Amino acid sequence: MQFSDVLKTRVSTREFLERPVPEVAVRHIVDAALYAPVGMHRYETLHLSVITNREVLERIRQTVAKATGDEKADPLHGAPVLIVVSTSDTGTVGALNVSCLVENMLLAATDLGLGNLYVRGAIDVSSKDAALAKEMNVPEGFTPMASVAVGYAASPASPRETPKNNVTKVDFVE
């Protein structure tokens, strides 16, 4: 897929099929994260947890359902893969670095024809449960900040003709 098509096709998937994602595709998505820019080259401040274990994914769902009071809540929308990005940086740079990794993974998943979703709130809630954070293989001293849910979309996206964002003002300073 051409890069411009990837940008136009990337949308938030909110209904995934139960079909497993091939390991080679997951590795490709993870590799894309490793090409992301990281402030001051502090790569050691980042950690990826690739979760395909259905019980751990269900525990994340249950933790969010309990926190929100909505027993039907499924912030992962049935995705079979969740890639959690954690950082040991406590400042703004850590969160920005996490976002760079996430964006690369979202675009890589789209390029492979896979549905994807930026998941933030569910990770914040889940990270407060120390036992669950351990199940997610989050290293001590790291905080899960965001994640990417990946799978086959129930309704694959087509490229958009215009951006969804038509309100952000752009000024050119020449």
N, C-alpha and C. Protein backbone atom coordinates (compact mmCIF):
# COMPACT_ATOMS: atom_id res chain seq x y z
N MET A 1 0.86 -1.17 0.00
CA MET A 1 0.00 0.00 0.00
C MET A 1 0.91 1.24 0.00
N GLN A 2 0.56 2.24 -0.78
CA GLN A 2 1.28 3.50 -0.77
C GLN A 2 1.07 4.20 0.57
N PHE A 3 2.09 4.95 1.03
CA PHE A 3 1.99 5.60 2.33
C PHE A 3 0.78 6.52 2.42
N SER A 4 0.49 7.26 1.38
CA SER A 4 -0.67 8.15 1.42
C SER A 4 -1.97 7.35 1.57
N ASP A 5 -2.02 6.16 1.00
CA ASP A 5 -3.20 5.30 1.16
C ASP A 5 -3.29 4.78 2.59
N VAL A 6 -2.14 4.46 3.20
CA VAL A 6 -2.13 4.02 4.59
C VAL A 6 -2.74 5.11 5.47
N LEU A 7 -2.28 6.35 5.27
CA LEU A 7 -2.80 7.47 6.07
C LEU A 7 -4.30 7.65 5.88
N LYS A 8 -4.77 7.51 4.66
CA LYS A 8 -6.19 7.72 4.36
C LYS A 8 -7.06 6.55 4.80
N THR A 9 -6.47 5.38 4.97
CA THR A 9 -7.22 4.18 5.32
C THR A 9 -7.26 3.92 6.82
N ARG A 10 -6.29 4.43 7.57
CA ARG A 10 -6.21 4.15 9.00
C ARG A 10 -7.40 4.75 9.74
N VAL A 11 -8.17 3.89 10.36
CA VAL A 11 -9.32 4.30 11.18
C VAL A 11 -9.32 3.45 12.45
N SER A 12 -10.05 3.90 13.44
CA SER A 12 -10.19 3.15 14.68
C SER A 12 -11.20 2.02 14.48
N THR A 13 -10.73 0.80 14.67
CA THR A 13 -11.58 -0.38 14.52
C THR A 13 -12.25 -0.67 15.85
N ARG A 14 -13.55 -0.84 15.83
CA ARG A 14 -14.27 -1.11 17.07
C ARG A 14 -15.07 -2.41 17.01
N GLU A 15 -14.71 -3.26 16.06
CA GLU A 15 -15.27 -4.60 16.01
C GLU A 15 -14.29 -5.51 15.27
N PHE A 16 -13.67 -6.39 16.05
CA PHE A 16 -12.67 -7.30 15.50
C PHE A 16 -13.25 -8.71 15.37
N LEU A 17 -12.77 -9.44 14.38
CA LEU A 17 -13.11 -10.84 14.23
C LEU A 17 -12.28 -11.66 15.21
N GLU A 18 -12.71 -12.86 15.54
CA GLU A 18 -11.97 -13.72 16.46
C GLU A 18 -10.77 -14.39 15.79
N ARG A 19 -10.55 -14.12 14.55
CA ARG A 19 -9.46 -14.72 13.77
C ARG A 19 -8.10 -14.29 14.33
N PRO A 20 -7.19 -15.26 14.59
CA PRO A 20 -5.87 -14.90 15.11
C PRO A 20 -5.02 -14.16 14.07
N VAL A 21 -4.14 -13.33 14.55
CA VAL A 21 -3.22 -12.57 13.70
C VAL A 21 -1.92 -13.38 13.59
N PRO A 22 -1.42 -13.61 12.38
CA PRO A 22 -0.18 -14.38 12.24
C PRO A 22 0.98 -13.71 12.98
N GLU A 23 1.84 -14.54 13.57
CA GLU A 23 2.98 -14.03 14.33
C GLU A 23 3.87 -13.12 13.47
N VAL A 24 4.04 -13.45 12.20
CA VAL A 24 4.88 -12.63 11.33
C VAL A 24 4.31 -11.21 11.21
N ALA A 25 3.00 -11.08 11.20
CA ALA A 25 2.38 -9.76 11.13
C ALA A 25 2.60 -8.99 12.43
N VAL A 26 2.45 -9.69 13.56
CA VAL A 26 2.66 -9.04 14.86
C VAL A 26 4.10 -8.56 14.96
N ARG A 27 5.03 -9.38 14.54
CA ARG A 27 6.45 -8.98 14.58
C ARG A 27 6.72 -7.78 13.69
N HIS A 28 6.07 -7.72 12.54
CA HIS A 28 6.22 -6.58 11.64
C HIS A 28 5.72 -5.29 12.32
N ILE A 29 4.62 -5.39 13.01
CA ILE A 29 4.05 -4.23 13.71
C ILE A 29 4.98 -3.80 14.84
N VAL A 30 5.49 -4.75 15.60
CA VAL A 30 6.43 -4.44 16.68
C VAL A 30 7.71 -3.80 16.10
N ASP A 31 8.20 -4.34 14.99
CA ASP A 31 9.39 -3.75 14.35
C ASP A 31 9.15 -2.29 13.98
N ALA A 32 7.94 -1.99 13.52
CA ALA A 32 7.62 -0.60 13.16
C ALA A 32 7.78 0.32 14.37
N ALA A 33 7.40 -0.18 15.55
CA ALA A 33 7.57 0.62 16.77
C ALA A 33 9.03 0.93 17.02
N LEU A 34 9.90 -0.02 16.70
CA LEU A 34 11.32 0.16 16.97
C LEU A 34 11.98 1.16 16.03
N TYR A 35 11.29 1.55 14.98
CA TYR A 35 11.79 2.59 14.06
C TYR A 35 11.30 3.99 14.44
N ALA A 36 10.49 4.09 15.47
CA ALA A 36 9.92 5.38 15.87
C ALA A 36 10.99 6.29 16.47
N PRO A 37 10.81 7.59 16.31
CA PRO A 37 11.75 8.51 16.95
C PRO A 37 11.55 8.48 18.46
N VAL A 38 12.68 8.55 19.18
CA VAL A 38 12.66 8.54 20.64
C VAL A 38 13.59 9.66 21.11
N GLY A 39 13.06 10.55 21.93
CA GLY A 39 13.83 11.69 22.43
C GLY A 39 15.12 11.28 23.10
N MET A 40 16.21 11.92 22.68
CA MET A 40 17.54 11.69 23.24
C MET A 40 18.00 10.24 23.08
N HIS A 41 17.37 9.49 22.18
CA HIS A 41 17.72 8.08 21.93
C HIS A 41 17.64 7.23 23.20
N ARG A 42 16.69 7.54 24.06
CA ARG A 42 16.57 6.83 25.35
C ARG A 42 15.66 5.61 25.17
N TYR A 43 16.07 4.71 24.32
CA TYR A 43 15.31 3.51 24.00
C TYR A 43 15.08 2.61 25.23
N GLU A 44 16.01 2.66 26.16
CA GLU A 44 15.90 1.82 27.35
C GLU A 44 14.75 2.23 28.26
N THR A 45 14.16 3.40 28.00
CA THR A 45 13.03 3.87 28.82
C THR A 45 11.69 3.35 28.31
N LEU A 46 11.72 2.52 27.28
CA LEU A 46 10.47 2.02 26.68
C LEU A 46 10.43 0.50 26.73
N HIS A 47 9.22 -0.02 26.82
CA HIS A 47 9.02 -1.47 26.86
C HIS A 47 7.72 -1.82 26.16
N LEU A 48 7.73 -2.89 25.37
CA LEU A 48 6.54 -3.38 24.69
C LEU A 48 6.13 -4.72 25.27
N SER A 49 4.86 -4.86 25.59
CA SER A 49 4.30 -6.13 26.03
C SER A 49 3.28 -6.56 24.98
N VAL A 50 3.56 -7.64 24.27
CA VAL A 50 2.67 -8.15 23.24
C VAL A 50 1.78 -9.21 23.90
N ILE A 51 0.49 -8.90 24.01
CA ILE A 51 -0.43 -9.78 24.72
C ILE A 51 -1.38 -10.44 23.74
N THR A 52 -1.30 -11.78 23.70
CA THR A 52 -2.24 -12.57 22.90
C THR A 52 -2.98 -13.56 23.79
N ASN A 53 -2.60 -13.64 25.04
CA ASN A 53 -3.22 -14.55 26.00
C ASN A 53 -4.65 -14.09 26.28
N ARG A 54 -5.61 -14.92 25.91
CA ARG A 54 -7.03 -14.54 26.03
C ARG A 54 -7.43 -14.26 27.47
N GLU A 55 -6.84 -14.97 28.43
CA GLU A 55 -7.20 -14.74 29.83
C GLU A 55 -6.74 -13.36 30.30
N VAL A 56 -5.54 -12.95 29.87
CA VAL A 56 -5.04 -11.62 30.25
C VAL A 56 -5.88 -10.55 29.57
N LEU A 57 -6.21 -10.73 28.30
CA LEU A 57 -7.07 -9.77 27.60
C LEU A 57 -8.42 -9.67 28.30
N GLU A 58 -8.96 -10.78 28.74
CA GLU A 58 -10.25 -10.78 29.44
C GLU A 58 -10.12 -10.08 30.80
N ARG A 59 -8.99 -10.27 31.48
CA ARG A 59 -8.79 -9.58 32.77
C ARG A 59 -8.74 -8.07 32.57
N ILE A 60 -8.15 -7.62 31.48
CA ILE A 60 -8.13 -6.19 31.17
C ILE A 60 -9.56 -5.71 30.98
N ARG A 61 -10.33 -6.46 30.19
CA ARG A 61 -11.72 -6.09 29.95
C ARG A 61 -12.50 -6.03 31.26
N GLN A 62 -12.35 -7.04 32.10
CA GLN A 62 -13.06 -7.08 33.37
C GLN A 62 -12.66 -5.94 34.29
N THR A 63 -11.39 -5.60 34.31
CA THR A 63 -10.90 -4.50 35.15
C THR A 63 -11.54 -3.18 34.73
N VAL A 64 -11.63 -2.96 33.43
CA VAL A 64 -12.26 -1.74 32.92
C VAL A 64 -13.76 -1.77 33.20
N ALA A 65 -14.40 -2.91 32.99
CA ALA A 65 -15.84 -3.03 33.25
C ALA A 65 -16.14 -2.70 34.71
N LYS A 66 -15.32 -3.20 35.60
CA LYS A 66 -15.52 -2.94 37.03
C LYS A 66 -15.31 -1.45 37.34
N ALA A 67 -14.26 -0.86 36.77
CA ALA A 67 -13.95 0.54 37.04
C ALA A 67 -15.02 1.49 36.50
N THR A 68 -15.62 1.12 35.37
CA THR A 68 -16.63 1.99 34.75
C THR A 68 -18.04 1.68 35.22
N GLY A 69 -18.22 0.52 35.84
CA GLY A 69 -19.57 0.11 36.24
C GLY A 69 -20.39 -0.43 35.10
N ASP A 70 -19.76 -0.63 33.95
CA ASP A 70 -20.45 -1.15 32.77
C ASP A 70 -19.93 -2.56 32.50
N GLU A 71 -20.68 -3.57 32.93
CA GLU A 71 -20.24 -4.96 32.78
C GLU A 71 -20.07 -5.39 31.32
N LYS A 72 -20.66 -4.66 30.39
CA LYS A 72 -20.54 -5.01 28.97
C LYS A 72 -19.38 -4.29 28.29
N ALA A 73 -18.68 -3.44 29.05
CA ALA A 73 -17.58 -2.66 28.47
C ALA A 73 -16.52 -3.59 27.89
N ASP A 74 -16.10 -3.30 26.68
CA ASP A 74 -15.00 -4.03 26.05
C ASP A 74 -14.13 -3.02 25.32
N PRO A 75 -13.19 -2.42 26.03
CA PRO A 75 -12.35 -1.40 25.41
C PRO A 75 -11.44 -1.94 24.32
N LEU A 76 -11.30 -3.26 24.25
CA LEU A 76 -10.47 -3.87 23.21
C LEU A 76 -11.30 -4.33 22.02
N HIS A 77 -12.60 -4.28 22.16
CA HIS A 77 -13.54 -4.60 21.08
C HIS A 77 -13.27 -5.97 20.45
N GLY A 78 -12.81 -6.91 21.29
CA GLY A 78 -12.58 -8.27 20.81
C GLY A 78 -11.28 -8.50 20.09
N ALA A 79 -10.37 -7.53 20.10
CA ALA A 79 -9.09 -7.69 19.40
C ALA A 79 -8.30 -8.84 20.01
N PRO A 80 -7.69 -9.68 19.17
CA PRO A 80 -6.92 -10.82 19.67
C PRO A 80 -5.49 -10.47 20.08
N VAL A 81 -5.04 -9.26 19.76
CA VAL A 81 -3.68 -8.83 20.10
C VAL A 81 -3.74 -7.44 20.71
N LEU A 82 -2.99 -7.26 21.80
CA LEU A 82 -2.85 -5.95 22.41
C LEU A 82 -1.37 -5.73 22.66
N ILE A 83 -0.84 -4.64 22.12
CA ILE A 83 0.57 -4.31 22.33
C ILE A 83 0.62 -3.09 23.25
N VAL A 84 1.09 -3.32 24.47
CA VAL A 84 1.13 -2.28 25.49
C VAL A 84 2.50 -1.64 25.48
N VAL A 85 2.52 -0.30 25.48
CA VAL A 85 3.77 0.44 25.51
C VAL A 85 3.90 1.09 26.88
N SER A 86 5.00 0.77 27.55
CA SER A 86 5.27 1.31 28.88
C SER A 86 6.54 2.15 28.83
N THR A 87 6.66 3.05 29.79
CA THR A 87 7.86 3.88 29.88
C THR A 87 8.31 4.00 31.33
N SER A 88 9.60 4.18 31.50
CA SER A 88 10.14 4.45 32.83
C SER A 88 10.34 5.95 33.04
N ASP A 89 10.16 6.73 31.98
CA ASP A 89 10.21 8.20 32.09
C ASP A 89 8.94 8.69 32.75
N THR A 90 9.07 9.62 33.65
CA THR A 90 7.88 10.14 34.34
C THR A 90 7.41 11.46 33.75
N GLY A 91 8.16 12.07 32.90
CA GLY A 91 7.79 13.36 32.34
C GLY A 91 7.09 13.27 31.01
N THR A 92 6.92 14.42 30.43
CA THR A 92 6.24 14.56 29.15
C THR A 92 6.93 13.78 28.04
N VAL A 93 8.26 13.77 28.05
CA VAL A 93 9.00 13.11 26.98
C VAL A 93 8.65 11.63 26.91
N GLY A 94 8.47 10.98 28.05
CA GLY A 94 8.10 9.57 28.05
C GLY A 94 6.79 9.33 27.34
N ALA A 95 5.78 10.15 27.65
CA ALA A 95 4.47 10.01 27.00
C ALA A 95 4.56 10.30 25.51
N LEU A 96 5.35 11.28 25.14
CA LEU A 96 5.51 11.59 23.72
C LEU A 96 6.20 10.46 22.98
N ASN A 97 7.22 9.87 23.60
CA ASN A 97 7.91 8.73 22.98
C ASN A 97 6.96 7.56 22.80
N VAL A 98 6.14 7.29 23.80
CA VAL A 98 5.14 6.21 23.70
C VAL A 98 4.23 6.48 22.51
N SER A 99 3.79 7.71 22.36
CA SER A 99 2.88 8.06 21.27
C SER A 99 3.53 7.83 19.90
N CYS A 100 4.82 8.10 19.80
CA CYS A 100 5.51 7.85 18.52
C CYS A 100 5.51 6.37 18.19
N LEU A 101 5.78 5.52 19.17
CA LEU A 101 5.76 4.08 18.93
C LEU A 101 4.37 3.62 18.53
N VAL A 102 3.36 4.13 19.23
CA VAL A 102 1.97 3.75 18.96
C VAL A 102 1.59 4.12 17.52
N GLU A 103 1.89 5.33 17.12
CA GLU A 103 1.52 5.77 15.76
C GLU A 103 2.17 4.89 14.70
N ASN A 104 3.45 4.56 14.87
CA ASN A 104 4.10 3.68 13.90
C ASN A 104 3.39 2.33 13.82
N MET A 105 2.99 1.80 14.98
CA MET A 105 2.31 0.49 14.98
C MET A 105 0.94 0.58 14.33
N LEU A 106 0.20 1.65 14.57
CA LEU A 106 -1.11 1.82 13.94
C LEU A 106 -0.98 1.83 12.42
N LEU A 107 0.01 2.57 11.94
CA LEU A 107 0.21 2.67 10.49
C LEU A 107 0.69 1.34 9.90
N ALA A 108 1.56 0.64 10.62
CA ALA A 108 2.05 -0.66 10.13
C ALA A 108 0.91 -1.67 10.05
N ALA A 109 0.05 -1.67 11.07
CA ALA A 109 -1.10 -2.60 11.05
C ALA A 109 -2.01 -2.29 9.87
N THR A 110 -2.25 -1.02 9.62
CA THR A 110 -3.09 -0.61 8.50
C THR A 110 -2.47 -1.08 7.19
N ASP A 111 -1.16 -0.89 7.06
CA ASP A 111 -0.46 -1.29 5.85
C ASP A 111 -0.60 -2.78 5.58
N LEU A 112 -0.72 -3.58 6.66
CA LEU A 112 -0.89 -5.03 6.51
C LEU A 112 -2.35 -5.43 6.31
N GLY A 113 -3.24 -4.44 6.28
CA GLY A 113 -4.66 -4.75 6.10
C GLY A 113 -5.34 -5.17 7.39
N LEU A 114 -4.73 -4.87 8.53
CA LEU A 114 -5.29 -5.24 9.82
C LEU A 114 -5.99 -4.05 10.48
N GLY A 115 -7.09 -4.34 11.15
CA GLY A 115 -7.76 -3.31 11.92
C GLY A 115 -6.93 -3.00 13.16
N ASN A 116 -7.09 -1.79 13.67
CA ASN A 116 -6.31 -1.39 14.83
C ASN A 116 -7.01 -0.27 15.58
N LEU A 117 -6.60 -0.09 16.83
CA LEU A 117 -7.24 0.88 17.69
C LEU A 117 -6.24 1.36 18.72
N TYR A 118 -6.14 2.67 18.90
CA TYR A 118 -5.32 3.27 19.95
C TYR A 118 -6.11 3.13 21.24
N VAL A 119 -5.56 2.41 22.22
CA VAL A 119 -6.26 2.17 23.49
C VAL A 119 -5.45 2.83 24.60
N ARG A 120 -6.02 3.83 25.22
CA ARG A 120 -5.31 4.55 26.27
C ARG A 120 -5.97 4.39 27.64
N GLY A 121 -7.26 4.72 27.77
CA GLY A 121 -7.93 4.70 29.06
C GLY A 121 -7.91 3.34 29.73
N ALA A 122 -8.11 2.29 28.96
CA ALA A 122 -8.13 0.94 29.52
C ALA A 122 -6.76 0.57 30.09
N ILE A 123 -5.71 1.08 29.48
CA ILE A 123 -4.36 0.80 29.97
C ILE A 123 -4.11 1.56 31.25
N ASP A 124 -4.60 2.78 31.33
CA ASP A 124 -4.46 3.56 32.56
C ASP A 124 -5.15 2.85 33.72
N VAL A 125 -6.36 2.39 33.50
CA VAL A 125 -7.12 1.67 34.54
C VAL A 125 -6.41 0.36 34.90
N SER A 126 -5.98 -0.40 33.90
CA SER A 126 -5.35 -1.69 34.14
C SER A 126 -4.01 -1.56 34.86
N SER A 127 -3.29 -0.49 34.59
CA SER A 127 -1.96 -0.32 35.21
C SER A 127 -2.04 -0.11 36.71
N LYS A 128 -3.21 0.29 37.20
CA LYS A 128 -3.39 0.50 38.63
C LYS A 128 -3.54 -0.81 39.40
N ASP A 129 -3.76 -1.90 38.68
CA ASP A 129 -3.87 -3.23 39.27
C ASP A 129 -2.49 -3.90 39.15
N ALA A 130 -1.73 -3.92 40.26
CA ALA A 130 -0.36 -4.41 40.23
C ALA A 130 -0.27 -5.85 39.72
N ALA A 131 -1.21 -6.69 40.12
CA ALA A 131 -1.20 -8.09 39.67
C ALA A 131 -1.42 -8.17 38.16
N LEU A 132 -2.33 -7.36 37.65
CA LEU A 132 -2.60 -7.36 36.21
C LEU A 132 -1.40 -6.81 35.44
N ALA A 133 -0.79 -5.75 35.95
CA ALA A 133 0.41 -5.20 35.30
C ALA A 133 1.51 -6.27 35.23
N LYS A 134 1.61 -7.07 36.25
CA LYS A 134 2.60 -8.17 36.25
C LYS A 134 2.23 -9.20 35.19
N GLU A 135 0.93 -9.53 35.08
CA GLU A 135 0.48 -10.47 34.05
C GLU A 135 0.75 -9.93 32.65
N MET A 136 0.75 -8.60 32.51
CA MET A 136 1.02 -7.97 31.22
C MET A 136 2.53 -7.86 30.96
N ASN A 137 3.34 -8.40 31.87
CA ASN A 137 4.81 -8.34 31.76
C ASN A 137 5.35 -6.92 31.72
N VAL A 138 4.75 -6.04 32.50
CA VAL A 138 5.27 -4.68 32.62
C VAL A 138 6.41 -4.72 33.64
N PRO A 139 7.62 -4.33 33.24
CA PRO A 139 8.75 -4.39 34.16
C PRO A 139 8.59 -3.42 35.33
N GLU A 140 9.21 -3.76 36.43
CA GLU A 140 9.20 -2.89 37.59
C GLU A 140 9.84 -1.55 37.21
N GLY A 141 9.23 -0.47 37.66
CA GLY A 141 9.73 0.85 37.35
C GLY A 141 9.17 1.44 36.06
N PHE A 142 8.35 0.67 35.35
CA PHE A 142 7.74 1.13 34.11
C PHE A 142 6.24 1.33 34.33
N THR A 143 5.67 2.26 33.61
CA THR A 143 4.24 2.53 33.67
C THR A 143 3.63 2.33 32.29
N PRO A 144 2.61 1.47 32.17
CA PRO A 144 1.92 1.34 30.89
C PRO A 144 1.20 2.66 30.57
N MET A 145 1.41 3.17 29.37
CA MET A 145 0.85 4.47 29.00
C MET A 145 -0.21 4.38 27.91
N ALA A 146 -0.04 3.47 26.98
CA ALA A 146 -0.96 3.36 25.85
C ALA A 146 -0.75 2.00 25.20
N SER A 147 -1.63 1.69 24.27
CA SER A 147 -1.51 0.40 23.59
C SER A 147 -2.18 0.45 22.23
N VAL A 148 -1.92 -0.61 21.49
CA VAL A 148 -2.52 -0.78 20.17
C VAL A 148 -3.23 -2.13 20.15
N ALA A 149 -4.52 -2.12 19.90
CA ALA A 149 -5.29 -3.34 19.71
C ALA A 149 -5.23 -3.66 18.22
N VAL A 150 -4.98 -4.93 17.90
CA VAL A 150 -4.81 -5.33 16.50
C VAL A 150 -5.60 -6.60 16.23
N GLY A 151 -6.17 -6.66 15.05
CA GLY A 151 -6.87 -7.86 14.61
C GLY A 151 -7.48 -7.61 13.24
N TYR A 152 -8.25 -8.58 12.80
CA TYR A 152 -8.96 -8.43 11.53
C TYR A 152 -10.26 -7.70 11.80
N ALA A 153 -10.47 -6.62 11.09
CA ALA A 153 -11.68 -5.82 11.28
C ALA A 153 -12.90 -6.55 10.73
N ALA A 154 -14.00 -6.46 11.46
CA ALA A 154 -15.25 -7.04 10.98
C ALA A 154 -15.70 -6.33 9.70
N SER A 155 -15.41 -5.03 9.61
CA SER A 155 -15.72 -4.22 8.43
C SER A 155 -14.46 -3.46 8.03
N PRO A 156 -13.68 -4.00 7.10
CA PRO A 156 -12.45 -3.32 6.68
C PRO A 156 -12.71 -1.91 6.16
N ALA A 157 -11.75 -1.03 6.41
CA ALA A 157 -11.88 0.38 6.01
C ALA A 157 -11.43 0.60 4.58
N SER A 158 -12.03 1.58 3.95
CA SER A 158 -11.62 2.02 2.62
C SER A 158 -10.96 3.38 2.77
N PRO A 159 -10.07 3.73 1.85
CA PRO A 159 -9.44 5.05 1.94
C PRO A 159 -10.48 6.17 1.90
N ARG A 160 -10.27 7.19 2.71
CA ARG A 160 -11.16 8.36 2.75
C ARG A 160 -10.70 9.36 1.69
N GLU A 161 -11.63 10.09 1.16
CA GLU A 161 -11.31 11.12 0.17
C GLU A 161 -10.82 12.40 0.84
N THR A 162 -11.35 12.67 2.04
CA THR A 162 -10.95 13.87 2.78
C THR A 162 -10.65 13.46 4.22
N PRO A 163 -9.80 14.23 4.90
CA PRO A 163 -9.50 13.89 6.29
C PRO A 163 -10.72 14.07 7.18
N LYS A 164 -10.80 13.25 8.21
CA LYS A 164 -11.88 13.39 9.18
C LYS A 164 -11.75 14.72 9.91
N ASN A 165 -10.53 15.14 10.14
CA ASN A 165 -10.26 16.39 10.84
C ASN A 165 -10.35 17.55 9.85
N ASN A 166 -11.41 18.30 9.96
CA ASN A 166 -11.55 19.49 9.10
C ASN A 166 -11.66 20.76 9.94
N VAL A 167 -11.21 20.67 11.19
CA VAL A 167 -11.34 21.83 12.08
C VAL A 167 -10.01 22.37 12.59
N THR A 168 -8.95 21.57 12.54
CA THR A 168 -7.66 22.07 13.03
C THR A 168 -7.16 23.13 12.07
N LYS A 169 -6.86 24.29 12.64
CA LYS A 169 -6.37 25.41 11.83
C LYS A 169 -4.90 25.20 11.50
N VAL A 170 -4.52 25.52 10.29
CA VAL A 170 -3.14 25.42 9.83
C VAL A 170 -2.69 26.79 9.37
N ASP A 171 -1.63 27.28 9.97
CA ASP A 171 -1.03 28.55 9.56
C ASP A 171 0.36 28.27 8.99
N PHE A 172 0.67 28.90 7.87
CA PHE A 172 2.00 28.80 7.29
C PHE A 172 2.74 30.10 7.58
N VAL A 173 3.88 29.99 8.20
CA VAL A 173 4.69 31.16 8.51
C VAL A 173 5.83 31.18 7.51
N GLU A 174 5.79 32.16 6.62
CA GLU A 174 6.79 32.20 5.55
C GLU A 174 7.72 33.37 5.71
